Amino acid sequence: MSKMRNLCREERRELKVLADDFGLLERKDIQNIIDSCVTYDEGQRKILSIYNQVYM
């Protein structure tokens, strides 16, 4: 069984920029997403989901 890779530093930084642009970076759930997601795409989908819940 292969080990799933963690986000690299640059991908984690990009997710933080995305969350900050949406005004969500200070939320605890966003921090948990950024810390625990395995891929950038997964983190992006989860952040956008919370954005939709908050602003839509």
Protein backbone atom coordinates (compact mmCIF):
# COMPACT_ATOMS: atom_id res chain seq x y z
CA MET A 1 0.00 0.00 0.00
CA SER A 2 1.48 3.34 -0.98
CA LYS A 3 1.67 6.22 1.43
CA MET A 4 -0.46 9.26 0.54
CA ARG A 5 1.64 12.36 0.18
CA ASN A 6 1.08 15.50 2.19
CA LEU A 7 0.70 18.94 0.74
CA CYS A 8 3.95 20.65 -0.05
CA ARG A 9 4.69 24.00 1.54
CA GLU A 10 3.77 25.92 -1.62
CA GLU A 11 0.37 24.21 -1.94
CA ARG A 12 -0.41 24.91 1.72
CA ARG A 13 0.60 28.56 1.20
CA GLU A 14 -1.70 28.78 -1.84
CA LEU A 15 -4.64 27.43 0.18
CA LYS A 16 -3.94 30.06 2.85
CA VAL A 17 -3.92 32.78 0.19
CA LEU A 18 -7.22 31.48 -1.20
CA ALA A 19 -8.84 31.44 2.24
CA ASP A 20 -7.46 34.90 3.04
CA ASP A 21 -8.81 36.29 -0.24
CA PHE A 22 -12.25 35.00 0.75
CA GLY A 23 -11.92 36.46 4.26
CA LEU A 24 -12.04 33.01 5.85
CA LEU A 25 -8.47 32.41 6.99
CA GLU A 26 -9.13 33.13 10.67
CA ARG A 27 -11.85 30.46 10.94
CA LYS A 28 -10.89 27.35 12.90
CA ASP A 29 -12.55 25.00 10.39
CA ILE A 30 -10.53 26.53 7.55
CA GLN A 31 -7.32 26.07 9.53
CA ASN A 32 -8.24 22.42 10.10
CA ILE A 33 -8.87 21.92 6.39
CA ILE A 34 -5.51 23.44 5.45
CA ASP A 35 -3.72 21.34 8.07
CA SER A 36 -5.41 18.04 7.24
CA CYS A 37 -6.10 17.90 3.50
CA VAL A 38 -4.01 15.60 1.36
CA THR A 39 -4.25 17.38 -2.00
CA TYR A 40 -4.62 20.99 -3.08
CA ASP A 41 -7.82 20.14 -4.97
CA GLU A 42 -9.37 18.60 -1.85
CA GLY A 43 -8.52 21.67 0.22
CA GLN A 44 -9.79 24.02 -2.45
CA ARG A 45 -13.13 22.17 -2.70
CA LYS A 46 -13.61 22.23 1.07
CA ILE A 47 -12.71 25.93 1.35
CA LEU A 48 -15.10 26.81 -1.48
CA SER A 49 -17.82 24.76 0.20
CA ILE A 50 -17.45 26.78 3.41
CA TYR A 51 -17.33 30.00 1.39
CA ASN A 52 -20.68 29.04 -0.18
CA GLN A 53 -22.18 28.30 3.24
CA VAL A 54 -20.99 31.61 4.69
CA TYR A 55 -21.68 34.01 1.82
CA MET A 56 -24.39 32.42 -0.30
